[in-house]
Every structure is written in structure tokens, then in C-alpha cells.
Amino acid sequence: MHWIGVVIAVIAFLLIGVFHPIVIKAEYYFGKRVWPVFLLADLIFLAASLWVAHPVGSSALGVLGCSCLWSIGELFEQEQRVARGWYPRRPGRK
């Protein structure tokens, strides 16, 4: 049996789960203006995934990069969720 697919799936599941609170906290403290940081991280992780020879490591970096890219859209959606009152707005921010 080859477990590599299951290992990659678990890594993807955990990374997506980790990025959910990261996006919430990033929007709370910095707003959507922090999106270039996620873009830079995306580019770094995707480039690193091209250089890693191990399939699990390369896949994990690729999933991490794509999670950063997906988080950019989630930052903008999180701002809308805050405007609807679903999440708290940081005091002192417009």
C-alpha cells in the first residue's frame, strides 16, 4: 500500500484548518491591507515546492502556497462578514 496520498490529504486538511483562524486574526488586526503578505508567502512557498525533491514535502509546500493564495480572497470575504456582524470589529478601526 502507498500511504503518500493519505499523508498529503491530512497535511492539506490541517493547513486549511490552520489558515481559517489566521485569516480571521489577520483581518481583525490589520484589515484587508495585509493581502500582499499572503501573496508573497504564496510565491515563496510555491517556488520552494518546485525545488524540494521529496513528494510529501513538495506537496505540503504547494498546498501551503495555495492556502496563502486562497487566504487573499478570504480576507476580503472576512471583511464582509465583519460588516454583517458575524465577527467582531476591532475597536478604533473604521
PDB file of N, CA and C in Angstrom:
ATOM      1  N   MET A   1       0.834  -1.193   0.000  1.00  0.00           N
ATOM      2  CA  MET A   1       0.000   0.000   0.000  1.00  0.00           C
ATOM      3  C   MET A   1       0.873   1.249   0.000  1.00  0.00           C
ATOM      4  N   HIS A   2       0.354   2.282  -0.647  1.00  0.00           N
ATOM      5  CA  HIS A   2       1.042   3.558  -0.671  1.00  0.00           C
ATOM      6  C   HIS A   2       0.225   4.558   0.146  1.00  0.00           C
ATOM      7  N   TRP A   3       0.843   5.069   1.161  1.00  0.00           N
ATOM      8  CA  TRP A   3       0.161   5.983   2.086  1.00  0.00           C
ATOM      9  C   TRP A   3       0.389   7.452   1.738  1.00  0.00           C
ATOM     10  N   ILE A   4       1.139   7.720   0.713  1.00  0.00           N
ATOM     11  CA  ILE A   4       1.516   9.107   0.403  1.00  0.00           C
ATOM     12  C   ILE A   4       0.286   9.986   0.130  1.00  0.00           C
ATOM     13  N   GLY A   5      -0.719   9.454  -0.534  1.00  0.00           N
ATOM     14  CA  GLY A   5      -1.932  10.231  -0.799  1.00  0.00           C
ATOM     15  C   GLY A   5      -2.672  10.587   0.473  1.00  0.00           C
ATOM     16  N   VAL A   6      -2.734   9.654   1.401  1.00  0.00           N
ATOM     17  CA  VAL A   6      -3.406   9.912   2.680  1.00  0.00           C
ATOM     18  C   VAL A   6      -2.622  10.944   3.483  1.00  0.00           C
ATOM     19  N   VAL A   7      -1.306  10.836   3.471  1.00  0.00           N
ATOM     20  CA  VAL A   7      -0.473  11.790   4.212  1.00  0.00           C
ATOM     21  C   VAL A   7      -0.652  13.198   3.643  1.00  0.00           C
ATOM     22  N   ILE A   8      -0.650  13.322   2.330  1.00  0.00           N
ATOM     23  CA  ILE A   8      -0.838  14.635   1.699  1.00  0.00           C
ATOM     24  C   ILE A   8      -2.228  15.180   2.006  1.00  0.00           C
ATOM     25  N   ALA A   9      -3.238  14.319   2.005  1.00  0.00           N
ATOM     26  CA  ALA A   9      -4.603  14.754   2.316  1.00  0.00           C
ATOM     27  C   ALA A   9      -4.700  15.261   3.752  1.00  0.00           C
ATOM     28  N   VAL A  10      -4.053  14.584   4.672  1.00  0.00           N
ATOM     29  CA  VAL A  10      -4.065  15.030   6.074  1.00  0.00           C
ATOM     30  C   VAL A  10      -3.337  16.364   6.215  1.00  0.00           C
ATOM     31  N   ILE A  11      -2.218  16.520   5.539  1.00  0.00           N
ATOM     32  CA  ILE A  11      -1.484  17.786   5.571  1.00  0.00           C
ATOM     33  C   ILE A  11      -2.345  18.905   5.009  1.00  0.00           C
ATOM     34  N   ALA A  12      -3.017  18.656   3.895  1.00  0.00           N
ATOM     35  CA  ALA A  12      -3.895  19.675   3.292  1.00  0.00           C
ATOM     36  C   ALA A  12      -5.028  20.037   4.250  1.00  0.00           C
ATOM     37  N   PHE A  13      -5.637  19.048   4.861  1.00  0.00           N
ATOM     38  CA  PHE A  13      -6.724  19.279   5.806  1.00  0.00           C
ATOM     39  C   PHE A  13      -6.253  20.126   6.991  1.00  0.00           C
ATOM     40  N   LEU A  14      -5.098  19.789   7.539  1.00  0.00           N
ATOM     41  CA  LEU A  14      -4.576  20.542   8.685  1.00  0.00           C
ATOM     42  C   LEU A  14      -4.204  21.971   8.305  1.00  0.00           C
ATOM     43  N   LEU A  15      -3.586  22.150   7.150  1.00  0.00           N
ATOM     44  CA  LEU A  15      -3.198  23.502   6.728  1.00  0.00           C
ATOM     45  C   LEU A  15      -4.420  24.380   6.486  1.00  0.00           C
ATOM     46  N   ILE A  16      -5.446  23.830   5.871  1.00  0.00           N
ATOM     47  CA  ILE A  16      -6.668  24.596   5.657  1.00  0.00           C
ATOM     48  C   ILE A  16      -7.291  24.960   6.996  1.00  0.00           C
ATOM     49  N   GLY A  17      -7.267  24.029   7.929  1.00  0.00           N
ATOM     50  CA  GLY A  17      -7.794  24.302   9.270  1.00  0.00           C
ATOM     51  C   GLY A  17      -6.995  25.361  10.015  1.00  0.00           C
ATOM     52  N   VAL A  18      -5.703  25.393   9.807  1.00  0.00           N
ATOM     53  CA  VAL A  18      -4.851  26.385  10.460  1.00  0.00           C
ATOM     54  C   VAL A  18      -5.057  27.772   9.858  1.00  0.00           C
ATOM     55  N   PHE A  19      -5.284  27.822   8.560  1.00  0.00           N
ATOM     56  CA  PHE A  19      -5.417  29.117   7.900  1.00  0.00           C
ATOM     57  C   PHE A  19      -6.732  29.819   8.211  1.00  0.00           C
ATOM     58  N   HIS A  20      -7.758  29.088   8.620  1.00  0.00           N
ATOM     59  CA  HIS A  20      -9.028  29.733   8.951  1.00  0.00           C
ATOM     60  C   HIS A  20      -8.854  30.763  10.079  1.00  0.00           C
ATOM     61  N   PRO A  21      -8.293  30.391  11.235  1.00  0.00           N
ATOM     62  CA  PRO A  21      -8.099  31.413  12.278  1.00  0.00           C
ATOM     63  C   PRO A  21      -7.036  32.450  11.915  1.00  0.00           C
ATOM     64  N   ILE A  22      -6.066  32.093  11.088  1.00  0.00           N
ATOM     65  CA  ILE A  22      -5.053  33.069  10.671  1.00  0.00           C
ATOM     66  C   ILE A  22      -5.710  34.199   9.890  1.00  0.00           C
ATOM     67  N   VAL A  23      -6.615  33.851   8.981  1.00  0.00           N
ATOM     68  CA  VAL A  23      -7.318  34.869   8.188  1.00  0.00           C
ATOM     69  C   VAL A  23      -8.175  35.745   9.108  1.00  0.00           C
ATOM     70  N   ILE A  24      -8.861  35.150  10.049  1.00  0.00           N
ATOM     71  CA  ILE A  24      -9.711  35.915  10.964  1.00  0.00           C
ATOM     72  C   ILE A  24      -8.875  36.894  11.774  1.00  0.00           C
ATOM     73  N   LYS A  25      -7.780  36.423  12.332  1.00  0.00           N
ATOM     74  CA  LYS A  25      -6.916  37.299  13.142  1.00  0.00           C
ATOM     75  C   LYS A  25      -6.233  38.363  12.283  1.00  0.00           C
ATOM     76  N   ALA A  26      -5.801  37.991  11.082  1.00  0.00           N
ATOM     77  CA  ALA A  26      -5.143  38.964  10.208  1.00  0.00           C
ATOM     78  C   ALA A  26      -6.104  40.088   9.841  1.00  0.00           C
ATOM     79  N   GLU A  27      -7.350  39.744   9.533  1.00  0.00           N
ATOM     80  CA  GLU A  27      -8.325  40.776   9.203  1.00  0.00           C
ATOM     81  C   GLU A  27      -8.651  41.621  10.427  1.00  0.00           C
ATOM     82  N   TYR A  28      -8.718  41.012  11.592  1.00  0.00           N
ATOM     83  CA  TYR A  28      -9.043  41.736  12.812  1.00  0.00           C
ATOM     84  C   TYR A  28      -7.959  42.772  13.136  1.00  0.00           C
ATOM     85  N   TYR A  29      -6.705  42.363  13.064  1.00  0.00           N
ATOM     86  CA  TYR A  29      -5.616  43.254  13.477  1.00  0.00           C
ATOM     87  C   TYR A  29      -5.123  44.184  12.364  1.00  0.00           C
ATOM     88  N   PHE A  30      -5.166  43.730  11.113  1.00  0.00           N
ATOM     89  CA  PHE A  30      -4.564  44.508  10.023  1.00  0.00           C
ATOM     90  C   PHE A  30      -5.546  44.912   8.935  1.00  0.00           C
ATOM     91  N   GLY A  31      -6.708  44.293   8.895  1.00  0.00           N
ATOM     92  CA  GLY A  31      -7.646  44.562   7.819  1.00  0.00           C
ATOM     93  C   GLY A  31      -7.202  43.850   6.548  1.00  0.00           C
ATOM     94  N   LYS A  32      -7.830  44.193   5.446  1.00  0.00           N
ATOM     95  CA  LYS A  32      -7.505  43.513   4.190  1.00  0.00           C
ATOM     96  C   LYS A  32      -6.212  44.006   3.566  1.00  0.00           C
ATOM     97  N   ARG A  33      -5.628  45.061   4.132  1.00  0.00           N
ATOM     98  CA  ARG A  33      -4.408  45.615   3.533  1.00  0.00           C
ATOM     99  C   ARG A  33      -3.197  44.689   3.689  1.00  0.00           C
ATOM    100  N   VAL A  34      -3.339  43.604   4.416  1.00  0.00           N
ATOM    101  CA  VAL A  34      -2.240  42.665   4.619  1.00  0.00           C
ATOM    102  C   VAL A  34      -2.164  41.620   3.486  1.00  0.00           C
ATOM    103  N   TRP A  35      -3.031  41.725   2.489  1.00  0.00           N
ATOM    104  CA  TRP A  35      -3.061  40.715   1.433  1.00  0.00           C
ATOM    105  C   TRP A  35      -1.735  40.555   0.689  1.00  0.00           C
ATOM    106  N   PRO A  36      -0.903  41.607   0.496  1.00  0.00           N
ATOM    107  CA  PRO A  36       0.377  41.369  -0.198  1.00  0.00           C
ATOM    108  C   PRO A  36       1.307  40.409   0.557  1.00  0.00           C
ATOM    109  N   VAL A  37       1.178  40.351   1.868  1.00  0.00           N
ATOM    110  CA  VAL A  37       1.994  39.415   2.647  1.00  0.00           C
ATOM    111  C   VAL A  37       1.623  37.979   2.277  1.00  0.00           C
ATOM    112  N   PHE A  38       0.321  37.726   2.148  1.00  0.00           N
ATOM    113  CA  PHE A  38      -0.127  36.398   1.743  1.00  0.00           C
ATOM    114  C   PHE A  38       0.327  36.082   0.318  1.00  0.00           C
ATOM    115  N   LEU A  39       0.310  37.055  -0.559  1.00  0.00           N
ATOM    116  CA  LEU A  39       0.762  36.842  -1.937  1.00  0.00           C
ATOM    117  C   LEU A  39       2.249  36.519  -1.981  1.00  0.00           C
ATOM    118  N   LEU A  40       3.040  37.255  -1.220  1.00  0.00           N
ATOM    119  CA  LEU A  40       4.481  36.995  -1.173  1.00  0.00           C
ATOM    120  C   LEU A  40       4.759  35.603  -0.607  1.00  0.00           C
ATOM    121  N   ALA A  41       4.057  35.250   0.468  1.00  0.00           N
ATOM    122  CA  ALA A  41       4.229  33.913   1.044  1.00  0.00           C
ATOM    123  C   ALA A  41       3.840  32.840   0.030  1.00  0.00           C
ATOM    124  N   ASP A  42       2.752  33.087  -0.706  1.00  0.00           N
ATOM    125  CA  ASP A  42       2.320  32.146  -1.741  1.00  0.00           C
ATOM    126  C   ASP A  42       3.425  31.917  -2.760  1.00  0.00           C
ATOM    127  N   LEU A  43       3.991  32.984  -3.263  1.00  0.00           N
ATOM    128  CA  LEU A  43       5.040  32.863  -4.275  1.00  0.00           C
ATOM    129  C   LEU A  43       6.269  32.136  -3.732  1.00  0.00           C
ATOM    130  N   ILE A  44       6.631  32.427  -2.498  1.00  0.00           N
ATOM    131  CA  ILE A  44       7.792  31.771  -1.877  1.00  0.00           C
ATOM    132  C   ILE A  44       7.550  30.280  -1.707  1.00  0.00           C
ATOM    133  N   PHE A  45       6.378  29.917  -1.158  1.00  0.00           N
ATOM    134  CA  PHE A  45       6.094  28.501  -0.914  1.00  0.00           C
ATOM    135  C   PHE A  45       5.947  27.718  -2.217  1.00  0.00           C
ATOM    136  N   LEU A  46       5.308  28.314  -3.225  1.00  0.00           N
ATOM    137  CA  LEU A  46       5.168  27.611  -4.499  1.00  0.00           C
ATOM    138  C   LEU A  46       6.519  27.443  -5.194  1.00  0.00           C
ATOM    139  N   ALA A  47       7.362  28.465  -5.110  1.00  0.00           N
ATOM    140  CA  ALA A  47       8.702  28.331  -5.685  1.00  0.00           C
ATOM    141  C   ALA A  47       9.508  27.267  -4.936  1.00  0.00           C
ATOM    142  N   ALA A  48       9.388  27.253  -3.613  1.00  0.00           N
ATOM    143  CA  ALA A  48      10.100  26.247  -2.822  1.00  0.00           C
ATOM    144  C   ALA A  48       9.615  24.836  -3.144  1.00  0.00           C
ATOM    145  N   SER A  49       8.323  24.705  -3.438  1.00  0.00           N
ATOM    146  CA  SER A  49       7.797  23.371  -3.759  1.00  0.00           C
ATOM    147  C   SER A  49       8.403  22.825  -5.046  1.00  0.00           C
ATOM    148  N   LEU A  50       8.854  23.708  -5.919  1.00  0.00           N
ATOM    149  CA  LEU A  50       9.495  23.256  -7.154  1.00  0.00           C
ATOM    150  C   LEU A  50      10.889  22.695  -6.908  1.00  0.00           C
ATOM    151  N   TRP A  51      11.522  23.112  -5.823  1.00  0.00           N
ATOM    152  CA  TRP A  51      12.899  22.717  -5.554  1.00  0.00           C
ATOM    153  C   TRP A  51      13.021  21.554  -4.591  1.00  0.00           C
ATOM    154  N   VAL A  52      11.952  21.221  -3.873  1.00  0.00           N
ATOM    155  CA  VAL A  52      12.004  20.120  -2.913  1.00  0.00           C
ATOM    156  C   VAL A  52      11.793  18.809  -3.662  1.00  0.00           C
ATOM    157  N   ALA A  53      12.683  17.864  -3.435  1.00  0.00           N
ATOM    158  CA  ALA A  53      12.641  16.604  -4.172  1.00  0.00           C
ATOM    159  C   ALA A  53      11.638  15.607  -3.583  1.00  0.00           C
ATOM    160  N   HIS A  54      11.434  15.650  -2.283  1.00  0.00           N
ATOM    161  CA  HIS A  54      10.544  14.687  -1.641  1.00  0.00           C
ATOM    162  C   HIS A  54       9.091  15.000  -1.998  1.00  0.00           C
ATOM    163  N   PRO A  55       8.336  13.999  -2.438  1.00  0.00           N
ATOM    164  CA  PRO A  55       6.969  14.269  -2.888  1.00  0.00           C
ATOM    165  C   PRO A  55       6.049  14.822  -1.801  1.00  0.00           C
ATOM    166  N   VAL A  56       6.197  14.352  -0.576  1.00  0.00           N
ATOM    167  CA  VAL A  56       5.339  14.854   0.505  1.00  0.00           C
ATOM    168  C   VAL A  56       5.719  16.290   0.850  1.00  0.00           C
ATOM    169  N   GLY A  57       7.004  16.563   0.933  1.00  0.00           N
ATOM    170  CA  GLY A  57       7.450  17.927   1.236  1.00  0.00           C
ATOM    171  C   GLY A  57       7.059  18.906   0.144  1.00  0.00           C
ATOM    172  N   SER A  58       7.238  18.495  -1.101  1.00  0.00           N
ATOM    173  CA  SER A  58       6.866  19.346  -2.212  1.00  0.00           C
ATOM    174  C   SER A  58       5.356  19.598  -2.232  1.00  0.00           C
ATOM    175  N   SER A  59       4.585  18.557  -2.004  1.00  0.00           N
ATOM    176  CA  SER A  59       3.125  18.706  -1.965  1.00  0.00           C
ATOM    177  C   SER A  59       2.685  19.588  -0.811  1.00  0.00           C
ATOM    178  N   ALA A  60       3.313  19.408   0.348  1.00  0.00           N
ATOM    179  CA  ALA A  60       2.960  20.230   1.513  1.00  0.00           C
ATOM    180  C   ALA A  60       3.249  21.701   1.245  1.00  0.00           C
ATOM    181  N   LEU A  61       4.369  21.992   0.633  1.00  0.00           N
ATOM    182  CA  LEU A  61       4.683  23.383   0.300  1.00  0.00           C
ATOM    183  C   LEU A  61       3.723  23.930  -0.753  1.00  0.00           C
ATOM    184  N   GLY A  62       3.339  23.111  -1.703  1.00  0.00           N
ATOM    185  CA  GLY A  62       2.377  23.535  -2.706  1.00  0.00           C
ATOM    186  C   GLY A  62       1.016  23.834  -2.095  1.00  0.00           C
ATOM    187  N   VAL A  63       0.562  22.967  -1.200  1.00  0.00           N
ATOM    188  CA  VAL A  63      -0.714  23.200  -0.513  1.00  0.00           C
ATOM    189  C   VAL A  63      -0.614  24.439   0.371  1.00  0.00           C
ATOM    190  N   LEU A  64       0.521  24.626   1.023  1.00  0.00           N
ATOM    191  CA  LEU A  64       0.720  25.809   1.851  1.00  0.00           C
ATOM    192  C   LEU A  64       0.675  27.075   1.000  1.00  0.00           C
ATOM    193  N   GLY A  65       1.314  27.047  -0.151  1.00  0.00           N
ATOM    194  CA  GLY A  65       1.277  28.193  -1.053  1.00  0.00           C
ATOM    195  C   GLY A  65      -0.121  28.484  -1.552  1.00  0.00           C
ATOM    196  N   CYS A  66      -0.842  27.457  -1.941  1.00  0.00           N
ATOM    197  CA  CYS A  66      -2.215  27.662  -2.418  1.00  0.00           C
ATOM    198  C   CYS A  66      -3.135  28.113  -1.290  1.00  0.00           C
ATOM    199  N   SER A  67      -2.869  27.679  -0.076  1.00  0.00           N
ATOM    200  CA  SER A  67      -3.655  28.151   1.072  1.00  0.00           C
ATOM    201  C   SER A  67      -3.427  29.642   1.299  1.00  0.00           C
ATOM    202  N   CYS A  68      -2.201  30.089   1.118  1.00  0.00           N
ATOM    203  CA  CYS A  68      -1.915  31.522   1.220  1.00  0.00           C
ATOM    204  C   CYS A  68      -2.649  32.294   0.137  1.00  0.00           C
ATOM    205  N   LEU A  69      -2.657  31.751  -1.077  1.00  0.00           N
ATOM    206  CA  LEU A  69      -3.352  32.406  -2.181  1.00  0.00           C
ATOM    207  C   LEU A  69      -4.855  32.453  -1.928  1.00  0.00           C
ATOM    208  N   TRP A  70      -5.413  31.374  -1.451  1.00  0.00           N
ATOM    209  CA  TRP A  70      -6.845  31.320  -1.140  1.00  0.00           C
ATOM    210  C   TRP A  70      -7.182  32.305  -0.021  1.00  0.00           C
ATOM    211  N   SER A  71      -6.268  32.495   0.904  1.00  0.00           N
ATOM    212  CA  SER A  71      -6.499  33.385   2.044  1.00  0.00           C
ATOM    213  C   SER A  71      -6.684  34.830   1.615  1.00  0.00           C
ATOM    214  N   ILE A  72      -6.140  35.215   0.480  1.00  0.00           N
ATOM    215  CA  ILE A  72      -6.328  36.587  -0.008  1.00  0.00           C
ATOM    216  C   ILE A  72      -7.807  36.838  -0.252  1.00  0.00           C
ATOM    217  N   GLY A  73      -8.455  35.938  -0.940  1.00  0.00           N
ATOM    218  CA  GLY A  73      -9.894  36.070  -1.164  1.00  0.00           C
ATOM    219  C   GLY A  73     -10.683  36.006   0.130  1.00  0.00           C
ATOM    220  N   GLU A  74     -10.236  35.156   1.040  1.00  0.00           N
ATOM    221  CA  GLU A  74     -10.927  35.036   2.324  1.00  0.00           C
ATOM    222  C   GLU A  74     -10.792  36.301   3.168  1.00  0.00           C
ATOM    223  N   LEU A  75      -9.680  37.019   3.027  1.00  0.00           N
ATOM    224  CA  LEU A  75      -9.527  38.290   3.745  1.00  0.00           C
ATOM    225  C   LEU A  75     -10.615  39.282   3.337  1.00  0.00           C
ATOM    226  N   PHE A  76     -10.870  39.357   2.045  1.00  0.00           N
ATOM    227  CA  PHE A  76     -11.894  40.279   1.558  1.00  0.00           C
ATOM    228  C   PHE A  76     -13.290  39.809   1.968  1.00  0.00           C
ATOM    229  N   GLU A  77     -13.509  38.501   1.955  1.00  0.00           N
ATOM    230  CA  GLU A  77     -14.795  37.977   2.412  1.00  0.00           C
ATOM    231  C   GLU A  77     -14.959  38.153   3.918  1.00  0.00           C
ATOM    232  N   GLN A  78     -13.861  38.026   4.656  1.00  0.00           N
ATOM    233  CA  GLN A  78     -13.918  38.212   6.108  1.00  0.00           C
ATOM    234  C   GLN A  78     -14.311  39.644   6.446  1.00  0.00           C
ATOM    235  N   GLU A  79     -13.846  40.588   5.654  1.00  0.00           N
ATOM    236  CA  GLU A  79     -14.229  41.978   5.871  1.00  0.00           C
ATOM    237  C   GLU A  79     -15.750  42.135   5.725  1.00  0.00           C
ATOM    238  N   GLN A  80     -16.322  41.445   4.767  1.00  0.00           N
ATOM    239  CA  GLN A  80     -17.777  41.491   4.587  1.00  0.00           C
ATOM    240  C   GLN A  80     -18.504  40.801   5.737  1.00  0.00           C
ATOM    241  N   ARG A  81     -17.947  39.727   6.246  1.00  0.00           N
ATOM    242  CA  ARG A  81     -18.555  39.041   7.394  1.00  0.00           C
ATOM    243  C   ARG A  81     -18.562  39.938   8.618  1.00  0.00           C
ATOM    244  N   VAL A  82     -17.468  40.676   8.790  1.00  0.00           N
ATOM    245  CA  VAL A  82     -17.394  41.614   9.917  1.00  0.00           C
ATOM    246  C   VAL A  82     -18.429  42.715   9.737  1.00  0.00           C
ATOM    247  N   ALA A  83     -18.586  43.217   8.522  1.00  0.00           N
ATOM    248  CA  ALA A  83     -19.569  44.271   8.245  1.00  0.00           C
ATOM    249  C   ALA A  83     -20.991  43.782   8.518  1.00  0.00           C
ATOM    250  N   ARG A  84     -21.238  42.502   8.298  1.00  0.00           N
ATOM    251  CA  ARG A  84     -22.568  41.931   8.569  1.00  0.00           C
ATOM    252  C   ARG A  84     -22.788  41.666  10.056  1.00  0.00           C
ATOM    253  N   GLY A  85     -21.715  41.733  10.849  1.00  0.00           N
ATOM    254  CA  GLY A  85     -21.830  41.492  12.284  1.00  0.00           C
ATOM    255  C   GLY A  85     -21.602  40.051  12.697  1.00  0.00           C
ATOM    256  N   TRP A  86     -21.121  39.231  11.783  1.00  0.00           N
ATOM    257  CA  TRP A  86     -20.878  37.834  12.103  1.00  0.00           C
ATOM    258  C   TRP A  86     -19.609  37.640  12.938  1.00  0.00           C
ATOM    259  N   TYR A  87     -18.670  38.581  12.817  1.00  0.00           N
ATOM    260  CA  TYR A  87     -17.421  38.547  13.571  1.00  0.00           C
ATOM    261  C   TYR A  87     -17.212  39.927  14.183  1.00  0.00           C
ATOM    262  N   PRO A  88     -16.478  40.001  15.297  1.00  0.00           N
ATOM    263  CA  PRO A  88     -16.286  41.314  15.933  1.00  0.00           C
ATOM    264  C   PRO A  88     -15.368  42.224  15.128  1.00  0.00           C
ATOM    265  N   ARG A  89     -15.674  43.522  15.190  1.00  0.00           N
ATOM    266  CA  ARG A  89     -14.835  44.544  14.561  1.00  0.00           C
ATOM    267  C   ARG A  89     -13.836  45.015  15.602  1.00  0.00           C
ATOM    268  N   ARG A  90     -12.622  45.266  15.178  1.00  0.00           N
ATOM    269  CA  ARG A  90     -11.599  45.750  16.099  1.00  0.00           C
ATOM    270  C   ARG A  90     -11.952  47.173  16.517  1.00  0.00           C
ATOM    271  N   PRO A  91     -11.958  47.437  17.811  1.00  0.00           N
ATOM    272  CA  PRO A  91     -12.268  48.803  18.289  1.00  0.00           C
ATOM    273  C   PRO A  91     -11.248  49.804  17.753  1.00  0.00           C
ATOM    274  N   GLY A  92     -11.752  50.961  17.355  1.00  0.00           N
ATOM    275  CA  GLY A  92     -10.885  52.032  16.871  1.00  0.00           C
ATOM    276  C   GLY A  92     -10.637  51.999  15.379  1.00  0.00           C
ATOM    277  N   ARG A  93     -11.102  50.952  14.699  1.00  0.00           N
ATOM    278  CA  ARG A  93     -10.932  50.887  13.245  1.00  0.00           C
ATOM    279  C   ARG A  93     -12.250  51.277  12.586  1.00  0.00           C
ATOM    280  N   LYS A  94     -12.164  52.025  11.495  1.00  0.00           N
ATOM    281  CA  LYS A  94     -13.375  52.466  10.801  1.00  0.00           C
ATOM    282  C   LYS A  94     -14.147  51.293  10.259  1.00  0.00           C
TER     283      LYS A  94
END
